[in-house]
Amino acid sequence: MAQRAEQIWCDETAAVRREELGLLDIRDLSGAQVSSVSQSLSLLDLDRDFVASRLAGLAAKEDLQCRGATELDAEATLTWDDIEATISSVKDWGAFIEAARAYGRWIATAK
């Protein structure tokens, strides 16, 4: 799921990403506020809360699509909450990020 969220992030136009950065207080892994967008800015370079939100949103959207639902409902909200709780429980965030990146590299070479 992290790789799908990363791909969606990379596919967004710079204008969309700039707008999102302008509306939200998004920070990088060191805690510094991200104020500009570059094509090389990875979703995985951003702080855990933002990544959790993007992954949870993606999971809820996929849940809705699989069930053919058109509006956010209790089941999709539960999926969202479960993903955020799972990410909050990751003890070594750096290891999680590296594993997600390694998986992305493996997928890229397998194609």
PDB file of N, CA and C in Angstrom:
ATOM      1  N   MET A   1       0.821  -1.177   0.000  1.00  0.00           N
ATOM      2  CA  MET A   1       0.000   0.000   0.000  1.00  0.00           C
ATOM      3  C   MET A   1       0.878   1.259   0.000  1.00  0.00           C
ATOM      4  N   ALA A   2       1.994   1.183   0.715  1.00  0.00           N
ATOM      5  CA  ALA A   2       2.900   2.337   0.743  1.00  0.00           C
ATOM      6  C   ALA A   2       3.395   2.661  -0.658  1.00  0.00           C
ATOM      7  N   GLN A   3       3.667   1.627  -1.454  1.00  0.00           N
ATOM      8  CA  GLN A   3       4.134   1.861  -2.818  1.00  0.00           C
ATOM      9  C   GLN A   3       3.040   2.469  -3.693  1.00  0.00           C
ATOM     10  N   ARG A   4       1.799   2.034  -3.529  1.00  0.00           N
ATOM     11  CA  ARG A   4       0.695   2.627  -4.298  1.00  0.00           C
ATOM     12  C   ARG A   4       0.510   4.085  -3.912  1.00  0.00           C
ATOM     13  N   ALA A   5       0.586   4.377  -2.617  1.00  0.00           N
ATOM     14  CA  ALA A   5       0.450   5.765  -2.157  1.00  0.00           C
ATOM     15  C   ALA A   5       1.589   6.621  -2.695  1.00  0.00           C
ATOM     16  N   GLU A   6       2.787   6.064  -2.722  1.00  0.00           N
ATOM     17  CA  GLU A   6       3.953   6.787  -3.267  1.00  0.00           C
ATOM     18  C   GLU A   6       3.745   7.084  -4.750  1.00  0.00           C
ATOM     19  N   GLN A   7       3.238   6.105  -5.492  1.00  0.00           N
ATOM     20  CA  GLN A   7       2.999   6.303  -6.924  1.00  0.00           C
ATOM     21  C   GLN A   7       1.945   7.380  -7.161  1.00  0.00           C
ATOM     22  N   ILE A   8       0.885   7.357  -6.378  1.00  0.00           N
ATOM     23  CA  ILE A   8      -0.150   8.389  -6.506  1.00  0.00           C
ATOM     24  C   ILE A   8       0.448   9.757  -6.210  1.00  0.00           C
ATOM     25  N   TRP A   9       1.259   9.851  -5.152  1.00  0.00           N
ATOM     26  CA  TRP A   9       1.920  11.108  -4.785  1.00  0.00           C
ATOM     27  C   TRP A   9       2.797  11.596  -5.939  1.00  0.00           C
ATOM     28  N   CYS A  10       3.567  10.703  -6.533  1.00  0.00           N
ATOM     29  CA  CYS A  10       4.460  11.083  -7.631  1.00  0.00           C
ATOM     30  C   CYS A  10       3.685  11.487  -8.884  1.00  0.00           C
ATOM     31  N   ASP A  11       2.527  10.886  -9.088  1.00  0.00           N
ATOM     32  CA  ASP A  11       1.727  11.188 -10.271  1.00  0.00           C
ATOM     33  C   ASP A  11       0.956  12.494 -10.170  1.00  0.00           C
ATOM     34  N   GLU A  12       0.793  13.006  -8.954  1.00  0.00           N
ATOM     35  CA  GLU A  12       0.079  14.272  -8.803  1.00  0.00           C
ATOM     36  C   GLU A  12       0.897  15.399  -9.426  1.00  0.00           C
ATOM     37  N   THR A  13       0.214  16.364  -9.955  1.00  0.00           N
ATOM     38  CA  THR A  13       0.920  17.496 -10.543  1.00  0.00           C
ATOM     39  C   THR A  13       1.558  18.329  -9.438  1.00  0.00           C
ATOM     40  N   ALA A  14       2.568  19.070  -9.803  1.00  0.00           N
ATOM     41  CA  ALA A  14       3.241  19.941  -8.839  1.00  0.00           C
ATOM     42  C   ALA A  14       2.257  20.941  -8.240  1.00  0.00           C
ATOM     43  N   ALA A  15       1.305  21.408  -9.039  1.00  0.00           N
ATOM     44  CA  ALA A  15       0.336  22.389  -8.536  1.00  0.00           C
ATOM     45  C   ALA A  15      -0.532  21.792  -7.437  1.00  0.00           C
ATOM     46  N   VAL A  16      -0.960  20.549  -7.614  1.00  0.00           N
ATOM     47  CA  VAL A  16      -1.782  19.894  -6.598  1.00  0.00           C
ATOM     48  C   VAL A  16      -0.979  19.698  -5.317  1.00  0.00           C
ATOM     49  N   ARG A  17       0.259  19.259  -5.466  1.00  0.00           N
ATOM     50  CA  ARG A  17       1.101  19.051  -4.287  1.00  0.00           C
ATOM     51  C   ARG A  17       1.405  20.375  -3.597  1.00  0.00           C
ATOM     52  N   ARG A  18       1.646  21.436  -4.361  1.00  0.00           N
ATOM     53  CA  ARG A  18       1.888  22.757  -3.782  1.00  0.00           C
ATOM     54  C   ARG A  18       0.676  23.229  -2.993  1.00  0.00           C
ATOM     55  N   GLU A  19      -0.517  23.016  -3.558  1.00  0.00           N
ATOM     56  CA  GLU A  19      -1.747  23.423  -2.872  1.00  0.00           C
ATOM     57  C   GLU A  19      -1.886  22.668  -1.551  1.00  0.00           C
ATOM     58  N   GLU A  20      -1.613  21.374  -1.575  1.00  0.00           N
ATOM     59  CA  GLU A  20      -1.706  20.578  -0.358  1.00  0.00           C
ATOM     60  C   GLU A  20      -0.702  21.058   0.688  1.00  0.00           C
ATOM     61  N   LEU A  21       0.515  21.357   0.262  1.00  0.00           N
ATOM     62  CA  LEU A  21       1.518  21.871   1.188  1.00  0.00           C
ATOM     63  C   LEU A  21       1.108  23.224   1.763  1.00  0.00           C
ATOM     64  N   GLY A  22       0.420  24.034   0.958  1.00  0.00           N
ATOM     65  CA  GLY A  22      -0.020  25.336   1.430  1.00  0.00           C
ATOM     66  C   GLY A  22      -1.145  25.247   2.437  1.00  0.00           C
ATOM     67  N   LEU A  23      -1.964  24.213   2.332  1.00  0.00           N
ATOM     68  CA  LEU A  23      -3.113  24.065   3.221  1.00  0.00           C
ATOM     69  C   LEU A  23      -2.778  23.352   4.525  1.00  0.00           C
ATOM     70  N   LEU A  24      -1.766  22.508   4.495  1.00  0.00           N
ATOM     71  CA  LEU A  24      -1.442  21.681   5.654  1.00  0.00           C
ATOM     72  C   LEU A  24      -0.051  21.991   6.177  1.00  0.00           C
ATOM     73  N   ASP A  25       0.160  21.722   7.447  1.00  0.00           N
ATOM     74  CA  ASP A  25       1.482  21.860   8.054  1.00  0.00           C
ATOM     75  C   ASP A  25       2.193  20.521   7.875  1.00  0.00           C
ATOM     76  N   ILE A  26       2.865  20.368   6.737  1.00  0.00           N
ATOM     77  CA  ILE A  26       3.529  19.109   6.414  1.00  0.00           C
ATOM     78  C   ILE A  26       5.008  19.237   6.729  1.00  0.00           C
ATOM     79  N   ARG A  27       5.526  18.227   7.390  1.00  0.00           N
ATOM     80  CA  ARG A  27       6.928  18.251   7.810  1.00  0.00           C
ATOM     81  C   ARG A  27       7.667  17.062   7.219  1.00  0.00           C
ATOM     82  N   ASP A  28       8.985  17.220   7.109  1.00  0.00           N
ATOM     83  CA  ASP A  28       9.788  16.107   6.621  1.00  0.00           C
ATOM     84  C   ASP A  28      10.183  15.221   7.805  1.00  0.00           C
ATOM     85  N   LEU A  29      10.981  14.221   7.532  1.00  0.00           N
ATOM     86  CA  LEU A  29      11.355  13.272   8.584  1.00  0.00           C
ATOM     87  C   LEU A  29      12.141  13.914   9.723  1.00  0.00           C
ATOM     88  N   SER A  30      12.817  15.014   9.443  1.00  0.00           N
ATOM     89  CA  SER A  30      13.583  15.692  10.496  1.00  0.00           C
ATOM     90  C   SER A  30      12.717  16.652  11.302  1.00  0.00           C
ATOM     91  N   GLY A  31      11.482  16.856  10.868  1.00  0.00           N
ATOM     92  CA  GLY A  31      10.578  17.764  11.569  1.00  0.00           C
ATOM     93  C   GLY A  31      10.524  19.160  10.970  1.00  0.00           C
ATOM     94  N   ALA A  32      11.331  19.423   9.941  1.00  0.00           N
ATOM     95  CA  ALA A  32      11.332  20.739   9.295  1.00  0.00           C
ATOM     96  C   ALA A  32      10.104  20.864   8.391  1.00  0.00           C
ATOM     97  N   GLN A  33       9.506  22.055   8.387  1.00  0.00           N
ATOM     98  CA  GLN A  33       8.338  22.283   7.550  1.00  0.00           C
ATOM     99  C   GLN A  33       8.720  22.229   6.072  1.00  0.00           C
ATOM    100  N   VAL A  34       7.909  21.543   5.285  1.00  0.00           N
ATOM    101  CA  VAL A  34       8.126  21.436   3.845  1.00  0.00           C
ATOM    102  C   VAL A  34       7.351  22.572   3.201  1.00  0.00           C
ATOM    103  N   SER A  35       8.070  23.449   2.518  1.00  0.00           N
ATOM    104  CA  SER A  35       7.401  24.613   1.936  1.00  0.00           C
ATOM    105  C   SER A  35       7.461  24.633   0.413  1.00  0.00           C
ATOM    106  N   SER A  36       8.264  23.764  -0.165  1.00  0.00           N
ATOM    107  CA  SER A  36       8.329  23.738  -1.626  1.00  0.00           C
ATOM    108  C   SER A  36       8.270  22.296  -2.105  1.00  0.00           C
ATOM    109  N   VAL A  37       7.835  22.151  -3.330  1.00  0.00           N
ATOM    110  CA  VAL A  37       7.648  20.822  -3.904  1.00  0.00           C
ATOM    111  C   VAL A  37       8.622  20.632  -5.051  1.00  0.00           C
ATOM    112  N   SER A  38       9.291  19.505  -5.040  1.00  0.00           N
ATOM    113  CA  SER A  38      10.119  19.133  -6.185  1.00  0.00           C
ATOM    114  C   SER A  38       9.652  17.763  -6.653  1.00  0.00           C
ATOM    115  N   GLN A  39       9.925  17.445  -7.876  1.00  0.00           N
ATOM    116  CA  GLN A  39       9.532  16.146  -8.423  1.00  0.00           C
ATOM    117  C   GLN A  39      10.174  15.006  -7.650  1.00  0.00           C
ATOM    118  N   SER A  40      11.329  15.266  -7.040  1.00  0.00           N
ATOM    119  CA  SER A  40      12.035  14.204  -6.329  1.00  0.00           C
ATOM    120  C   SER A  40      11.553  14.018  -4.892  1.00  0.00           C
ATOM    121  N   LEU A  41      10.630  14.872  -4.430  1.00  0.00           N
ATOM    122  CA  LEU A  41      10.128  14.749  -3.065  1.00  0.00           C
ATOM    123  C   LEU A  41       9.253  13.508  -2.961  1.00  0.00           C
ATOM    124  N   SER A  42       9.718  12.556  -2.200  1.00  0.00           N
ATOM    125  CA  SER A  42       8.998  11.297  -2.011  1.00  0.00           C
ATOM    126  C   SER A  42       8.003  11.449  -0.872  1.00  0.00           C
ATOM    127  N   LEU A  43       6.875  10.790  -0.998  1.00  0.00           N
ATOM    128  CA  LEU A  43       5.919  10.738   0.100  1.00  0.00           C
ATOM    129  C   LEU A  43       6.604  10.182   1.346  1.00  0.00           C
ATOM    130  N   LEU A  44       7.502   9.233   1.147  1.00  0.00           N
ATOM    131  CA  LEU A  44       8.189   8.595   2.265  1.00  0.00           C
ATOM    132  C   LEU A  44       9.223   9.496   2.924  1.00  0.00           C
ATOM    133  N   ASP A  45       9.486  10.673   2.335  1.00  0.00           N
ATOM    134  CA  ASP A  45      10.374  11.660   2.950  1.00  0.00           C
ATOM    135  C   ASP A  45       9.626  12.542   3.944  1.00  0.00           C
ATOM    136  N   LEU A  46       8.312  12.388   3.989  1.00  0.00           N
ATOM    137  CA  LEU A  46       7.490  13.252   4.834  1.00  0.00           C
ATOM    138  C   LEU A  46       7.184  12.573   6.164  1.00  0.00           C
ATOM    139  N   ASP A  47       6.664  13.353   7.107  1.00  0.00           N
ATOM    140  CA  ASP A  47       6.488  12.821   8.455  1.00  0.00           C
ATOM    141  C   ASP A  47       5.412  11.743   8.531  1.00  0.00           C
ATOM    142  N   ARG A  48       5.518  10.970   9.582  1.00  0.00           N
ATOM    143  CA  ARG A  48       4.666   9.799   9.782  1.00  0.00           C
ATOM    144  C   ARG A  48       3.180  10.143   9.744  1.00  0.00           C
ATOM    145  N   ASP A  49       2.774  11.234  10.368  1.00  0.00           N
ATOM    146  CA  ASP A  49       1.345  11.582  10.405  1.00  0.00           C
ATOM    147  C   ASP A  49       0.793  11.818   9.004  1.00  0.00           C
ATOM    148  N   PHE A  50       1.555  12.514   8.163  1.00  0.00           N
ATOM    149  CA  PHE A  50       1.086  12.779   6.805  1.00  0.00           C
ATOM    150  C   PHE A  50       1.037  11.490   5.998  1.00  0.00           C
ATOM    151  N   VAL A  51       2.069  10.667   6.121  1.00  0.00           N
ATOM    152  CA  VAL A  51       2.091   9.390   5.415  1.00  0.00           C
ATOM    153  C   VAL A  51       0.922   8.527   5.882  1.00  0.00           C
ATOM    154  N   ALA A  52       0.680   8.491   7.183  1.00  0.00           N
ATOM    155  CA  ALA A  52      -0.439   7.707   7.732  1.00  0.00           C
ATOM    156  C   ALA A  52      -1.760   8.176   7.151  1.00  0.00           C
ATOM    157  N   SER A  53      -1.926   9.473   7.053  1.00  0.00           N
ATOM    158  CA  SER A  53      -3.165  10.024   6.507  1.00  0.00           C
ATOM    159  C   SER A  53      -3.350   9.625   5.047  1.00  0.00           C
ATOM    160  N   ARG A  54      -2.275   9.726   4.258  1.00  0.00           N
ATOM    161  CA  ARG A  54      -2.364   9.344   2.837  1.00  0.00           C
ATOM    162  C   ARG A  54      -2.646   7.849   2.672  1.00  0.00           C
ATOM    163  N   LEU A  55      -1.968   7.011   3.457  1.00  0.00           N
ATOM    164  CA  LEU A  55      -2.200   5.572   3.358  1.00  0.00           C
ATOM    165  C   LEU A  55      -3.609   5.207   3.815  1.00  0.00           C
ATOM    166  N   ALA A  56      -4.062   5.827   4.897  1.00  0.00           N
ATOM    167  CA  ALA A  56      -5.406   5.545   5.403  1.00  0.00           C
ATOM    168  C   ALA A  56      -6.469   5.985   4.400  1.00  0.00           C
ATOM    169  N   GLY A  57      -6.253   7.142   3.788  1.00  0.00           N
ATOM    170  CA  GLY A  57      -7.186   7.618   2.765  1.00  0.00           C
ATOM    171  C   GLY A  57      -7.249   6.681   1.576  1.00  0.00           C
ATOM    172  N   LEU A  58      -6.094   6.187   1.155  1.00  0.00           N
ATOM    173  CA  LEU A  58      -6.039   5.248   0.039  1.00  0.00           C
ATOM    174  C   LEU A  58      -6.754   3.943   0.401  1.00  0.00           C
ATOM    175  N   ALA A  59      -6.516   3.441   1.602  1.00  0.00           N
ATOM    176  CA  ALA A  59      -7.156   2.195   2.036  1.00  0.00           C
ATOM    177  C   ALA A  59      -8.675   2.354   2.105  1.00  0.00           C
ATOM    178  N   ALA A  60      -9.133   3.474   2.634  1.00  0.00           N
ATOM    179  CA  ALA A  60     -10.579   3.711   2.722  1.00  0.00           C
ATOM    180  C   ALA A  60     -11.194   3.821   1.323  1.00  0.00           C
ATOM    181  N   LYS A  61     -10.494   4.498   0.415  1.00  0.00           N
ATOM    182  CA  LYS A  61     -10.991   4.643  -0.954  1.00  0.00           C
ATOM    183  C   LYS A  61     -11.068   3.281  -1.640  1.00  0.00           C
ATOM    184  N   GLU A  62     -10.038   2.455  -1.472  1.00  0.00           N
ATOM    185  CA  GLU A  62     -10.051   1.122  -2.061  1.00  0.00           C
ATOM    186  C   GLU A  62     -11.167   0.267  -1.465  1.00  0.00           C
ATOM    187  N   ASP A  63     -11.398   0.408  -0.163  1.00  0.00           N
ATOM    188  CA  ASP A  63     -12.477  -0.330   0.486  1.00  0.00           C
ATOM    189  C   ASP A  63     -13.829   0.063  -0.118  1.00  0.00           C
ATOM    190  N   LEU A  64     -14.030   1.353  -0.282  1.00  0.00           N
ATOM    191  CA  LEU A  64     -15.285   1.836  -0.875  1.00  0.00           C
ATOM    192  C   LEU A  64     -15.455   1.302  -2.292  1.00  0.00           C
ATOM    193  N   GLN A  65     -14.385   1.356  -3.080  1.00  0.00           N
ATOM    194  CA  GLN A  65     -14.454   0.879  -4.464  1.00  0.00           C
ATOM    195  C   GLN A  65     -14.751  -0.611  -4.535  1.00  0.00           C
ATOM    196  N   CYS A  66     -14.126  -1.388  -3.671  1.00  0.00           N
ATOM    197  CA  CYS A  66     -14.358  -2.843  -3.670  1.00  0.00           C
ATOM    198  C   CYS A  66     -15.807  -3.176  -3.334  1.00  0.00           C
ATOM    199  N   ARG A  67     -16.411  -2.373  -2.493  1.00  0.00           N
ATOM    200  CA  ARG A  67     -17.794  -2.624  -2.086  1.00  0.00           C
ATOM    201  C   ARG A  67     -18.807  -1.899  -2.958  1.00  0.00           C
ATOM    202  N   GLY A  68     -18.319  -1.070  -3.879  1.00  0.00           N
ATOM    203  CA  GLY A  68     -19.214  -0.328  -4.754  1.00  0.00           C
ATOM    204  C   GLY A  68     -19.927   0.814  -4.048  1.00  0.00           C
ATOM    205  N   ALA A  69     -19.415   1.227  -2.906  1.00  0.00           N
ATOM    206  CA  ALA A  69     -20.007   2.340  -2.158  1.00  0.00           C
ATOM    207  C   ALA A  69     -19.513   3.657  -2.742  1.00  0.00           C
ATOM    208  N   THR A  70     -20.326   4.673  -2.629  1.00  0.00           N
ATOM    209  CA  THR A  70     -19.968   5.970  -3.201  1.00  0.00           C
ATOM    210  C   THR A  70     -19.695   7.037  -2.152  1.00  0.00           C
ATOM    211  N   GLU A  71     -20.058   6.783  -0.908  1.00  0.00           N
ATOM    212  CA  GLU A  71     -19.839   7.759   0.155  1.00  0.00           C
ATOM    213  C   GLU A  71     -19.104   7.107   1.316  1.00  0.00           C
ATOM    214  N   LEU A  72     -18.332   7.918   2.010  1.00  0.00           N
ATOM    215  CA  LEU A  72     -17.619   7.432   3.183  1.00  0.00           C
ATOM    216  C   LEU A  72     -18.637   6.915   4.198  1.00  0.00           C
ATOM    217  N   ASP A  73     -18.455   5.674   4.618  1.00  0.00           N
ATOM    218  CA  ASP A  73     -19.381   5.084   5.576  1.00  0.00           C
ATOM    219  C   ASP A  73     -18.603   4.542   6.769  1.00  0.00           C
ATOM    220  N   ALA A  74     -19.307   3.921   7.692  1.00  0.00           N
ATOM    221  CA  ALA A  74     -18.681   3.433   8.919  1.00  0.00           C
ATOM    222  C   ALA A  74     -17.601   2.400   8.629  1.00  0.00           C
ATOM    223  N   GLU A  75     -17.828   1.541   7.652  1.00  0.00           N
ATOM    224  CA  GLU A  75     -16.847   0.497   7.328  1.00  0.00           C
ATOM    225  C   GLU A  75     -15.558   1.117   6.780  1.00  0.00           C
ATOM    226  N   ALA A  76     -15.672   2.084   5.891  1.00  0.00           N
ATOM    227  CA  ALA A  76     -14.490   2.750   5.344  1.00  0.00           C
ATOM    228  C   ALA A  76     -13.779   3.565   6.420  1.00  0.00           C
ATOM    229  N   THR A  77     -14.553   4.165   7.303  1.00  0.00           N
ATOM    230  CA  THR A  77     -13.964   4.926   8.409  1.00  0.00           C
ATOM    231  C   THR A  77     -13.179   3.994   9.328  1.00  0.00           C
ATOM    232  N   LEU A  78     -13.720   2.800   9.570  1.00  0.00           N
ATOM    233  CA  LEU A  78     -13.016   1.810  10.385  1.00  0.00           C
ATOM    234  C   LEU A  78     -11.710   1.399   9.710  1.00  0.00           C
ATOM    235  N   THR A  79     -11.730   1.218   8.393  1.00  0.00           N
ATOM    236  CA  THR A  79     -10.513   0.893   7.647  1.00  0.00           C
ATOM    237  C   THR A  79      -9.484   2.005   7.820  1.00  0.00           C
ATOM    238  N   TRP A  80      -9.939   3.256   7.669  1.00  0.00           N
ATOM    239  CA  TRP A  80      -9.066   4.431   7.844  1.00  0.00           C
ATOM    240  C   TRP A  80      -8.423   4.388   9.227  1.00  0.00           C
ATOM    241  N   ASP A  81      -9.247   4.215  10.264  1.00  0.00           N
ATOM    242  CA  ASP A  81      -8.745   4.202  11.639  1.00  0.00           C
ATOM    243  C   ASP A  81      -7.772   3.055  11.875  1.00  0.00           C
ATOM    244  N   ASP A  82      -8.062   1.882  11.297  1.00  0.00           N
ATOM    245  CA  ASP A  82      -7.173   0.732  11.459  1.00  0.00           C
ATOM    246  C   ASP A  82      -5.802   0.992  10.854  1.00  0.00           C
ATOM    247  N   ILE A  83      -5.768   1.597   9.676  1.00  0.00           N
ATOM    248  CA  ILE A  83      -4.482   1.897   9.028  1.00  0.00           C
ATOM    249  C   ILE A  83      -3.697   2.910   9.857  1.00  0.00           C
ATOM    250  N   GLU A  84      -4.362   3.964  10.307  1.00  0.00           N
ATOM    251  CA  GLU A  84      -3.661   4.962  11.129  1.00  0.00           C
ATOM    252  C   GLU A  84      -3.139   4.339  12.423  1.00  0.00           C
ATOM    253  N   ALA A  85      -3.929   3.462  13.049  1.00  0.00           N
ATOM    254  CA  ALA A  85      -3.485   2.798  14.282  1.00  0.00           C
ATOM    255  C   ALA A  85      -2.296   1.883  14.005  1.00  0.00           C
ATOM    256  N   THR A  86      -2.339   1.181  12.888  1.00  0.00           N
ATOM    257  CA  THR A  86      -1.228   0.290  12.527  1.00  0.00           C
ATOM    258  C   THR A  86       0.053   1.088  12.331  1.00  0.00           C
ATOM    259  N   ILE A  87      -0.042   2.181  11.615  1.00  0.00           N
ATOM    260  CA  ILE A  87       1.152   3.000  11.377  1.00  0.00           C
ATOM    261  C   ILE A  87       1.653   3.608  12.682  1.00  0.00           C
ATOM    262  N   SER A  88       0.747   4.006  13.551  1.00  0.00           N
ATOM    263  CA  SER A  88       1.156   4.552  14.849  1.00  0.00           C
ATOM    264  C   SER A  88       1.902   3.520  15.694  1.00  0.00           C
ATOM    265  N   SER A  89       1.617   2.239  15.469  1.00  0.00           N
ATOM    266  CA  SER A  89       2.256   1.198  16.274  1.00  0.00           C
ATOM    267  C   SER A  89       3.623   0.775  15.743  1.00  0.00           C
ATOM    268  N   VAL A  90       4.019   1.272  14.584  1.00  0.00           N
ATOM    269  CA  VAL A  90       5.336   0.930  14.031  1.00  0.00           C
ATOM    270  C   VAL A  90       6.409   1.537  14.942  1.00  0.00           C
ATOM    271  N   LYS A  91       7.217   0.668  15.524  1.00  0.00           N
ATOM    272  CA  LYS A  91       8.209   1.141  16.493  1.00  0.00           C
ATOM    273  C   LYS A  91       9.415   1.809  15.823  1.00  0.00           C
ATOM    274  N   ASP A  92       9.889   1.257  14.721  1.00  0.00           N
ATOM    275  CA  ASP A  92      11.061   1.812  14.047  1.00  0.00           C
ATOM    276  C   ASP A  92      10.625   2.359  12.688  1.00  0.00           C
ATOM    277  N   TRP A  93      10.248   3.626  12.679  1.00  0.00           N
ATOM    278  CA  TRP A  93       9.729   4.254  11.457  1.00  0.00           C
ATOM    279  C   TRP A  93      10.779   4.258  10.355  1.00  0.00           C
ATOM    280  N   GLY A  94      12.020   4.484  10.704  1.00  0.00           N
ATOM    281  CA  GLY A  94      13.093   4.478   9.711  1.00  0.00           C
ATOM    282  C   GLY A  94      13.216   3.126   9.022  1.00  0.00           C
ATOM    283  N   ALA A  95      13.098   2.048   9.786  1.00  0.00           N
ATOM    284  CA  ALA A  95      13.164   0.702   9.202  1.00  0.00           C
ATOM    285  C   ALA A  95      11.957   0.448   8.308  1.00  0.00           C
ATOM    286  N   PHE A  96      10.786   0.937   8.702  1.00  0.00           N
ATOM    287  CA  PHE A  96       9.589   0.796   7.875  1.00  0.00           C
ATOM    288  C   PHE A  96       9.787   1.501   6.538  1.00  0.00           C
ATOM    289  N   ILE A  97      10.290   2.730   6.584  1.00  0.00           N
ATOM    290  CA  ILE A  97      10.520   3.512   5.368  1.00  0.00           C
ATOM    291  C   ILE A  97      11.525   2.797   4.466  1.00  0.00           C
ATOM    292  N   GLU A  98      12.603   2.313   5.057  1.00  0.00           N
ATOM    293  CA  GLU A  98      13.612   1.621   4.250  1.00  0.00           C
ATOM    294  C   GLU A  98      13.037   0.348   3.637  1.00  0.00           C
ATOM    295  N   ALA A  99      12.215  -0.385   4.381  1.00  0.00           N
ATOM    296  CA  ALA A  99      11.592  -1.601   3.836  1.00  0.00           C
ATOM    297  C   ALA A  99      10.649  -1.254   2.681  1.00  0.00           C
ATOM    298  N   ALA A 100       9.890  -0.184   2.824  1.00  0.00           N
ATOM    299  CA  ALA A 100       8.980   0.243   1.749  1.00  0.00           C
ATOM    300  C   ALA A 100       9.773   0.652   0.513  1.00  0.00           C
ATOM    301  N   ARG A 101      10.877   1.354   0.713  1.00  0.00           N
ATOM    302  CA  ARG A 101      11.717   1.755  -0.429  1.00  0.00           C
ATOM    303  C   ARG A 101      12.369   0.542  -1.086  1.00  0.00           C
ATOM    304  N   ALA A 102      12.850  -0.387  -0.279  1.00  0.00           N
ATOM    305  CA  ALA A 102      13.479  -1.598  -0.824  1.00  0.00           C
ATOM    306  C   ALA A 102      12.459  -2.395  -1.629  1.00  0.00           C
ATOM    307  N   TYR A 103      11.248  -2.486  -1.142  1.00  0.00           N
ATOM    308  CA  TYR A 103      10.199  -3.194  -1.868  1.00  0.00           C
ATOM    309  C   TYR A 103       9.919  -2.483  -3.197  1.00  0.00           C
ATOM    310  N   GLY A 104       9.890  -1.165  -3.170  1.00  0.00           N
ATOM    311  CA  GLY A 104       9.687  -0.392  -4.396  1.00  0.00           C
ATOM    312  C   GLY A 104      10.790  -0.637  -5.414  1.00  0.00           C
ATOM    313  N   ARG A 105      12.032  -0.701  -4.938  1.00  0.00           N
ATOM    314  CA  ARG A 105      13.148  -0.987  -5.842  1.00  0.00           C
ATOM    315  C   ARG A 105      13.027  -2.393  -6.412  1.00  0.00           C
ATOM    316  N   TRP A 106      12.636  -3.349  -5.573  1.00  0.00           N
ATOM    317  CA  TRP A 106      12.471  -4.729  -6.025  1.00  0.00           C
ATOM    318  C   TRP A 106      11.377  -4.817  -7.085  1.00  0.00           C
ATOM    319  N   ILE A 107      10.251  -4.158  -6.856  1.00  0.00           N
ATOM    320  CA  ILE A 107       9.146  -4.140  -7.829  1.00  0.00           C
ATOM    321  C   ILE A 107       9.624  -3.542  -9.149  1.00  0.00           C
ATOM    322  N   ALA A 108      10.389  -2.443  -9.063  1.00  0.00           N
ATOM    323  CA  ALA A 108      10.869  -1.778 -10.280  1.00  0.00           C
ATOM    324  C   ALA A 108      11.785  -2.684 -11.088  1.00  0.00           C
ATOM    325  N   THR A 109      12.613  -3.469 -10.428  1.00  0.00           N
ATOM    326  CA  THR A 109      13.522  -4.347 -11.164  1.00  0.00           C
ATOM    327  C   THR A 109      12.815  -5.603 -11.657  1.00  0.00           C
ATOM    328  N   ALA A 110      11.718  -5.977 -11.042  1.00  0.00           N
ATOM    329  CA  ALA A 110      10.971  -7.167 -11.445  1.00  0.00           C
ATOM    330  C   ALA A 110      10.143  -6.921 -12.712  1.00  0.00           C
ATOM    331  N   LYS A 111       9.900  -5.662 -13.032  1.00  0.00           N
ATOM    332  CA  LYS A 111       9.069  -5.335 -14.204  1.00  0.00           C
ATOM    333  C   LYS A 111       9.803  -5.484 -15.478  1.00  0.00           C
TER     334      LYS A 111
END
